[in-house]
Amino acid sequence: MKHPVFIFSIVFAILLTFFYLYPADIFEVQLVDNGIPFNKEITIKQLLRPDLLVGSIQNDGFESCVPTLKGWFMLFAIFIGLPIMIAYRFTLKRYPRRSNK
């Protein structure tokens, strides 16, 4: 199986499904409610669907929900970096490099 793009896609889908269904608050976002910005860690489900965020003062939702630098880094590391490393490792394990003799 020398298809790293296929392996990347499978690992990406597995990670996205896992983090969508598992309520882990690890993605930091900046929320603005009534003109007051504050940082909060939320789940990927809440990030993809901001209407699921509850707890605003008027319970009518937040004005904006934007990932911070830490949030973007976590998204990139989990959903891009980890699948790339796993796909690369599977490709090298299956088809090792030839040594120059």
C-alpha atoms as a PDB file:
ATOM      1  CA  MET A   1       0.000   0.000   0.000  1.00  0.00           C
ATOM      2  CA  LYS A   2       2.146   2.829  -1.287  1.00  0.00           C
ATOM      3  CA  HIS A   3      -0.550   5.463  -1.153  1.00  0.00           C
ATOM      4  CA  PRO A   4       0.324   8.006   1.530  1.00  0.00           C
ATOM      5  CA  VAL A   5      -2.554  10.283   0.456  1.00  0.00           C
ATOM      6  CA  PHE A   6      -5.025   7.454   1.088  1.00  0.00           C
ATOM      7  CA  ILE A   7      -3.490   6.759   4.516  1.00  0.00           C
ATOM      8  CA  PHE A   8      -3.516  10.494   5.301  1.00  0.00           C
ATOM      9  CA  SER A   9      -7.210  10.709   4.374  1.00  0.00           C
ATOM     10  CA  ILE A  10      -8.147   7.705   6.506  1.00  0.00           C
ATOM     11  CA  VAL A  11      -6.221   8.978   9.565  1.00  0.00           C
ATOM     12  CA  PHE A  12      -7.655  12.488   9.088  1.00  0.00           C
ATOM     13  CA  ALA A  13     -11.211  11.089   8.972  1.00  0.00           C
ATOM     14  CA  ILE A  14     -10.610   8.931  12.068  1.00  0.00           C
ATOM     15  CA  LEU A  15      -9.180  11.864  14.053  1.00  0.00           C
ATOM     16  CA  LEU A  16     -11.930  14.229  12.963  1.00  0.00           C
ATOM     17  CA  THR A  17     -14.604  11.695  13.923  1.00  0.00           C
ATOM     18  CA  PHE A  18     -12.938  11.007  17.272  1.00  0.00           C
ATOM     19  CA  PHE A  19     -12.566  14.670  18.235  1.00  0.00           C
ATOM     20  CA  TYR A  20     -16.039  15.520  16.929  1.00  0.00           C
ATOM     21  CA  LEU A  21     -17.687  12.849  19.069  1.00  0.00           C
ATOM     22  CA  TYR A  22     -15.401  13.085  22.129  1.00  0.00           C
ATOM     23  CA  PRO A  23     -15.996  16.297  24.134  1.00  0.00           C
ATOM     24  CA  ALA A  24     -12.392  17.404  24.651  1.00  0.00           C
ATOM     25  CA  ASP A  25     -12.044  21.146  25.274  1.00  0.00           C
ATOM     26  CA  ILE A  26      -8.629  21.688  23.693  1.00  0.00           C
ATOM     27  CA  PHE A  27      -9.189  24.210  20.882  1.00  0.00           C
ATOM     28  CA  GLU A  28      -8.809  27.785  22.139  1.00  0.00           C
ATOM     29  CA  VAL A  29     -10.995  30.451  20.561  1.00  0.00           C
ATOM     30  CA  GLN A  30     -11.674  34.114  21.187  1.00  0.00           C
ATOM     31  CA  LEU A  31     -15.362  34.748  21.778  1.00  0.00           C
ATOM     32  CA  VAL A  32     -16.920  38.192  21.613  1.00  0.00           C
ATOM     33  CA  ASP A  33     -20.099  38.632  23.631  1.00  0.00           C
ATOM     34  CA  ASN A  34     -21.656  42.101  23.854  1.00  0.00           C
ATOM     35  CA  GLY A  35     -18.377  43.666  22.681  1.00  0.00           C
ATOM     36  CA  ILE A  36     -16.307  41.942  25.387  1.00  0.00           C
ATOM     37  CA  PRO A  37     -13.673  39.508  24.039  1.00  0.00           C
ATOM     38  CA  PHE A  38     -12.524  36.540  26.101  1.00  0.00           C
ATOM     39  CA  ASN A  39     -10.664  33.291  25.425  1.00  0.00           C
ATOM     40  CA  LYS A  40     -12.210  29.901  25.997  1.00  0.00           C
ATOM     41  CA  GLU A  41     -11.281  26.337  25.119  1.00  0.00           C
ATOM     42  CA  ILE A  42     -14.025  24.526  23.232  1.00  0.00           C
ATOM     43  CA  THR A  43     -14.568  21.229  21.419  1.00  0.00           C
ATOM     44  CA  ILE A  44     -14.231  20.761  17.678  1.00  0.00           C
ATOM     45  CA  LYS A  45     -18.012  20.247  17.470  1.00  0.00           C
ATOM     46  CA  GLN A  46     -18.588  23.666  19.011  1.00  0.00           C
ATOM     47  CA  LEU A  47     -15.961  25.172  16.712  1.00  0.00           C
ATOM     48  CA  LEU A  48     -17.634  23.760  13.614  1.00  0.00           C
ATOM     49  CA  ARG A  49     -21.119  24.659  14.875  1.00  0.00           C
ATOM     50  CA  PRO A  50     -20.924  27.869  16.955  1.00  0.00           C
ATOM     51  CA  ASP A  51     -24.678  27.711  17.582  1.00  0.00           C
ATOM     52  CA  LEU A  52     -23.925  24.936  20.110  1.00  0.00           C
ATOM     53  CA  LEU A  53     -22.081  27.394  22.365  1.00  0.00           C
ATOM     54  CA  VAL A  54     -24.156  28.133  25.422  1.00  0.00           C
ATOM     55  CA  GLY A  55     -23.609  30.322  28.408  1.00  0.00           C
ATOM     56  CA  SER A  56     -23.798  33.764  26.867  1.00  0.00           C
ATOM     57  CA  ILE A  57     -25.334  36.477  28.979  1.00  0.00           C
ATOM     58  CA  GLN A  58     -28.477  36.816  26.887  1.00  0.00           C
ATOM     59  CA  ASN A  59     -28.495  33.192  25.612  1.00  0.00           C
ATOM     60  CA  ASP A  60     -28.703  34.425  22.037  1.00  0.00           C
ATOM     61  CA  GLY A  61     -25.261  33.263  20.986  1.00  0.00           C
ATOM     62  CA  PHE A  62     -21.917  34.972  20.617  1.00  0.00           C
ATOM     63  CA  GLU A  63     -21.095  37.703  18.146  1.00  0.00           C
ATOM     64  CA  SER A  64     -17.949  35.976  16.884  1.00  0.00           C
ATOM     65  CA  CYS A  65     -15.965  32.807  17.461  1.00  0.00           C
ATOM     66  CA  VAL A  66     -12.415  32.912  16.048  1.00  0.00           C
ATOM     67  CA  PRO A  67      -9.576  30.474  16.846  1.00  0.00           C
ATOM     68  CA  THR A  68      -6.537  32.019  18.541  1.00  0.00           C
ATOM     69  CA  LEU A  69      -2.953  31.226  17.562  1.00  0.00           C
ATOM     70  CA  LYS A  70      -2.942  28.334  20.047  1.00  0.00           C
ATOM     71  CA  GLY A  71      -6.233  27.096  18.578  1.00  0.00           C
ATOM     72  CA  TRP A  72      -4.888  27.199  15.012  1.00  0.00           C
ATOM     73  CA  PHE A  73      -1.722  25.407  16.135  1.00  0.00           C
ATOM     74  CA  MET A  74      -3.727  22.614  17.814  1.00  0.00           C
ATOM     75  CA  LEU A  75      -5.942  22.243  14.748  1.00  0.00           C
ATOM     76  CA  PHE A  76      -2.912  22.065  12.447  1.00  0.00           C
ATOM     77  CA  ALA A  77      -0.952  19.686  14.683  1.00  0.00           C
ATOM     78  CA  ILE A  78      -3.829  17.254  15.211  1.00  0.00           C
ATOM     79  CA  PHE A  79      -5.510  17.266  11.808  1.00  0.00           C
ATOM     80  CA  ILE A  80      -2.559  17.883   9.460  1.00  0.00           C
ATOM     81  CA  GLY A  81       0.697  17.069  11.276  1.00  0.00           C
ATOM     82  CA  LEU A  82      -0.314  13.802  12.915  1.00  0.00           C
ATOM     83  CA  PRO A  83      -1.852  12.248   9.759  1.00  0.00           C
ATOM     84  CA  ILE A  84       1.218  13.282   7.739  1.00  0.00           C
ATOM     85  CA  MET A  85       3.556  11.619  10.267  1.00  0.00           C
ATOM     86  CA  ILE A  86       1.475   8.428  10.348  1.00  0.00           C
ATOM     87  CA  ALA A  87       1.187   8.246   6.542  1.00  0.00           C
ATOM     88  CA  TYR A  88       4.933   8.838   6.167  1.00  0.00           C
ATOM     89  CA  ARG A  89       5.728   6.170   8.742  1.00  0.00           C
ATOM     90  CA  PHE A  90       3.453   3.591   7.142  1.00  0.00           C
ATOM     91  CA  THR A  91       4.962   4.315   3.724  1.00  0.00           C
ATOM     92  CA  LEU A  92       8.540   3.964   5.035  1.00  0.00           C
ATOM     93  CA  LYS A  93       7.713   0.804   6.957  1.00  0.00           C
ATOM     94  CA  ARG A  94       6.157  -0.841   3.922  1.00  0.00           C
ATOM     95  CA  TYR A  95       8.728   0.396   1.379  1.00  0.00           C
ATOM     96  CA  PRO A  96      12.055   1.105   3.129  1.00  0.00           C
ATOM     97  CA  ARG A  97      14.686   3.250   1.469  1.00  0.00           C
ATOM     98  CA  ARG A  98      17.405   1.543  -0.459  1.00  0.00           C
ATOM     99  CA  SER A  99      20.848   2.020   0.986  1.00  0.00           C
ATOM    100  CA  ASN A 100      23.675   3.268  -1.226  1.00  0.00           C
ATOM    101  CA  LYS A 101      26.452   0.705  -1.313  1.00  0.00           C
END
